[in-house]
Amino acid sequence: GDGEGGDDLPRRPEIRPWDPSDAAVQDFPITTYQPVYFLAESLQDAKDRMRRYCEDLPRPFFALYNSHNSTVHIDRPIRRSVLEMPRT
């Protein structure tokens, strides 16, 4: 870049209404500026939308934290899976 507004300057990001289901599938490349920002009408609006989104997520089990003995109880057997990170 020559510092004169060449092609190396980041593009203006797109601003979309806050929608957790849209944000969940939005690609956010780590090597460039963030291409999309999600904007809520208020913090309460953001919390309400996130709460509704989370209520609809599938839950194959229920976990309950016991603060007296610092353990987590899971209501049914689960199988752990190991995620492989892609090599770059």
C-alpha atoms as a PDB file:
ATOM      1  CA  GLY A   1       0.000   0.000   0.000  1.00  0.00           C
ATOM      2  CA  ASP A   2       1.096   3.479  -0.831  1.00  0.00           C
ATOM      3  CA  GLY A   3      -1.004   5.074   1.908  1.00  0.00           C
ATOM      4  CA  GLU A   4      -3.097   6.862  -0.725  1.00  0.00           C
ATOM      5  CA  GLY A   5      -6.261   4.795  -0.395  1.00  0.00           C
ATOM      6  CA  GLY A   6      -5.221   1.863  -2.537  1.00  0.00           C
ATOM      7  CA  ASP A   7      -6.728  -1.591  -2.677  1.00  0.00           C
ATOM      8  CA  ASP A   8      -5.125  -2.615   0.612  1.00  0.00           C
ATOM      9  CA  LEU A   9      -7.638  -0.646   2.695  1.00  0.00           C
ATOM     10  CA  PRO A  10     -10.422  -2.663   4.330  1.00  0.00           C
ATOM     11  CA  ARG A  11     -13.878  -2.436   2.831  1.00  0.00           C
ATOM     12  CA  ARG A  12     -16.681  -0.964   4.915  1.00  0.00           C
ATOM     13  CA  PRO A  13     -18.347  -3.845   6.806  1.00  0.00           C
ATOM     14  CA  GLU A  14     -21.937  -4.822   6.203  1.00  0.00           C
ATOM     15  CA  ILE A  15     -24.271  -4.130   9.139  1.00  0.00           C
ATOM     16  CA  ARG A  16     -27.140  -6.570   9.632  1.00  0.00           C
ATOM     17  CA  PRO A  17     -29.890  -6.804  12.250  1.00  0.00           C
ATOM     18  CA  TRP A  18     -28.886  -9.020  15.185  1.00  0.00           C
ATOM     19  CA  ASP A  19     -30.083 -12.531  14.388  1.00  0.00           C
ATOM     20  CA  PRO A  20     -28.283 -15.299  16.286  1.00  0.00           C
ATOM     21  CA  SER A  21     -29.164 -17.956  13.696  1.00  0.00           C
ATOM     22  CA  ASP A  22     -27.635 -15.781  10.960  1.00  0.00           C
ATOM     23  CA  ALA A  23     -24.594 -14.951  13.099  1.00  0.00           C
ATOM     24  CA  ALA A  24     -24.057 -18.643  13.898  1.00  0.00           C
ATOM     25  CA  VAL A  25     -23.391 -19.482  10.252  1.00  0.00           C
ATOM     26  CA  GLN A  26     -21.584 -16.292   9.265  1.00  0.00           C
ATOM     27  CA  ASP A  27     -17.962 -16.823   8.245  1.00  0.00           C
ATOM     28  CA  PHE A  28     -15.531 -14.580  10.103  1.00  0.00           C
ATOM     29  CA  PRO A  29     -12.120 -14.895   8.489  1.00  0.00           C
ATOM     30  CA  ILE A  30      -9.272 -14.376  10.950  1.00  0.00           C
ATOM     31  CA  THR A  31      -6.872 -12.901   8.403  1.00  0.00           C
ATOM     32  CA  THR A  32      -9.018  -9.967   7.263  1.00  0.00           C
ATOM     33  CA  TYR A  33     -11.213  -7.318   8.797  1.00  0.00           C
ATOM     34  CA  GLN A  34     -14.595  -8.498  10.036  1.00  0.00           C
ATOM     35  CA  PRO A  35     -16.926  -8.347   6.998  1.00  0.00           C
ATOM     36  CA  VAL A  36     -20.249  -8.239   8.908  1.00  0.00           C
ATOM     37  CA  TYR A  37     -21.400  -6.629  12.135  1.00  0.00           C
ATOM     38  CA  PHE A  38     -24.686  -7.580  13.768  1.00  0.00           C
ATOM     39  CA  LEU A  39     -26.570  -4.727  15.385  1.00  0.00           C
ATOM     40  CA  ALA A  40     -29.275  -5.118  18.034  1.00  0.00           C
ATOM     41  CA  GLU A  41     -31.752  -2.412  18.905  1.00  0.00           C
ATOM     42  CA  SER A  42     -30.665  -2.612  22.563  1.00  0.00           C
ATOM     43  CA  LEU A  43     -28.853  -4.886  24.975  1.00  0.00           C
ATOM     44  CA  GLN A  44     -32.229  -6.225  26.127  1.00  0.00           C
ATOM     45  CA  ASP A  45     -33.179  -6.951  22.489  1.00  0.00           C
ATOM     46  CA  ALA A  46     -29.892  -8.820  21.983  1.00  0.00           C
ATOM     47  CA  LYS A  47     -30.419 -10.858  25.156  1.00  0.00           C
ATOM     48  CA  ASP A  48     -34.036 -11.695  24.265  1.00  0.00           C
ATOM     49  CA  ARG A  49     -33.129 -12.816  20.759  1.00  0.00           C
ATOM     50  CA  MET A  50     -30.219 -14.902  22.043  1.00  0.00           C
ATOM     51  CA  ARG A  51     -32.395 -16.503  24.723  1.00  0.00           C
ATOM     52  CA  ARG A  52     -35.056 -17.462  22.136  1.00  0.00           C
ATOM     53  CA  TYR A  53     -32.361 -18.859  19.839  1.00  0.00           C
ATOM     54  CA  CYS A  54     -30.887 -20.973  22.641  1.00  0.00           C
ATOM     55  CA  GLU A  55     -34.300 -22.305  23.663  1.00  0.00           C
ATOM     56  CA  ASP A  56     -34.666 -23.840  20.196  1.00  0.00           C
ATOM     57  CA  LEU A  57     -31.256 -25.549  20.135  1.00  0.00           C
ATOM     58  CA  PRO A  58     -31.368 -29.354  20.264  1.00  0.00           C
ATOM     59  CA  ARG A  59     -30.149 -30.711  23.584  1.00  0.00           C
ATOM     60  CA  PRO A  60     -29.189 -34.376  23.516  1.00  0.00           C
ATOM     61  CA  PHE A  61     -28.640 -34.262  27.295  1.00  0.00           C
ATOM     62  CA  PHE A  62     -29.134 -31.988  30.286  1.00  0.00           C
ATOM     63  CA  ALA A  63     -26.253 -30.931  32.534  1.00  0.00           C
ATOM     64  CA  LEU A  64     -26.655 -29.549  36.046  1.00  0.00           C
ATOM     65  CA  TYR A  65     -23.807 -27.987  38.029  1.00  0.00           C
ATOM     66  CA  ASN A  66     -23.626 -28.743  41.751  1.00  0.00           C
ATOM     67  CA  SER A  67     -21.846 -25.817  43.427  1.00  0.00           C
ATOM     68  CA  HIS A  68     -21.559 -27.650  46.783  1.00  0.00           C
ATOM     69  CA  ASN A  69     -19.126 -30.223  45.459  1.00  0.00           C
ATOM     70  CA  SER A  70     -18.117 -28.599  42.128  1.00  0.00           C
ATOM     71  CA  THR A  71     -19.429 -31.441  39.978  1.00  0.00           C
ATOM     72  CA  VAL A  72     -21.591 -31.635  36.891  1.00  0.00           C
ATOM     73  CA  HIS A  73     -24.430 -34.175  36.725  1.00  0.00           C
ATOM     74  CA  ILE A  74     -25.481 -35.318  33.247  1.00  0.00           C
ATOM     75  CA  ASP A  75     -28.914 -36.925  33.007  1.00  0.00           C
ATOM     76  CA  ARG A  76     -28.000 -39.684  30.514  1.00  0.00           C
ATOM     77  CA  PRO A  77     -24.952 -41.419  29.059  1.00  0.00           C
ATOM     78  CA  ILE A  78     -23.159 -39.402  26.410  1.00  0.00           C
ATOM     79  CA  ARG A  79     -20.420 -40.238  23.963  1.00  0.00           C
ATOM     80  CA  ARG A  80     -17.499 -37.856  23.739  1.00  0.00           C
ATOM     81  CA  SER A  81     -16.108 -36.976  20.362  1.00  0.00           C
ATOM     82  CA  VAL A  82     -12.759 -35.445  19.568  1.00  0.00           C
ATOM     83  CA  LEU A  83     -12.749 -32.685  16.995  1.00  0.00           C
ATOM     84  CA  GLU A  84      -9.835 -32.671  14.618  1.00  0.00           C
ATOM     85  CA  MET A  85      -8.516 -29.208  13.853  1.00  0.00           C
ATOM     86  CA  PRO A  86      -7.732 -28.716  10.160  1.00  0.00           C
ATOM     87  CA  ARG A  87      -4.051 -28.284   9.408  1.00  0.00           C
ATOM     88  CA  THR A  88      -3.057 -25.098   7.652  1.00  0.00           C
END
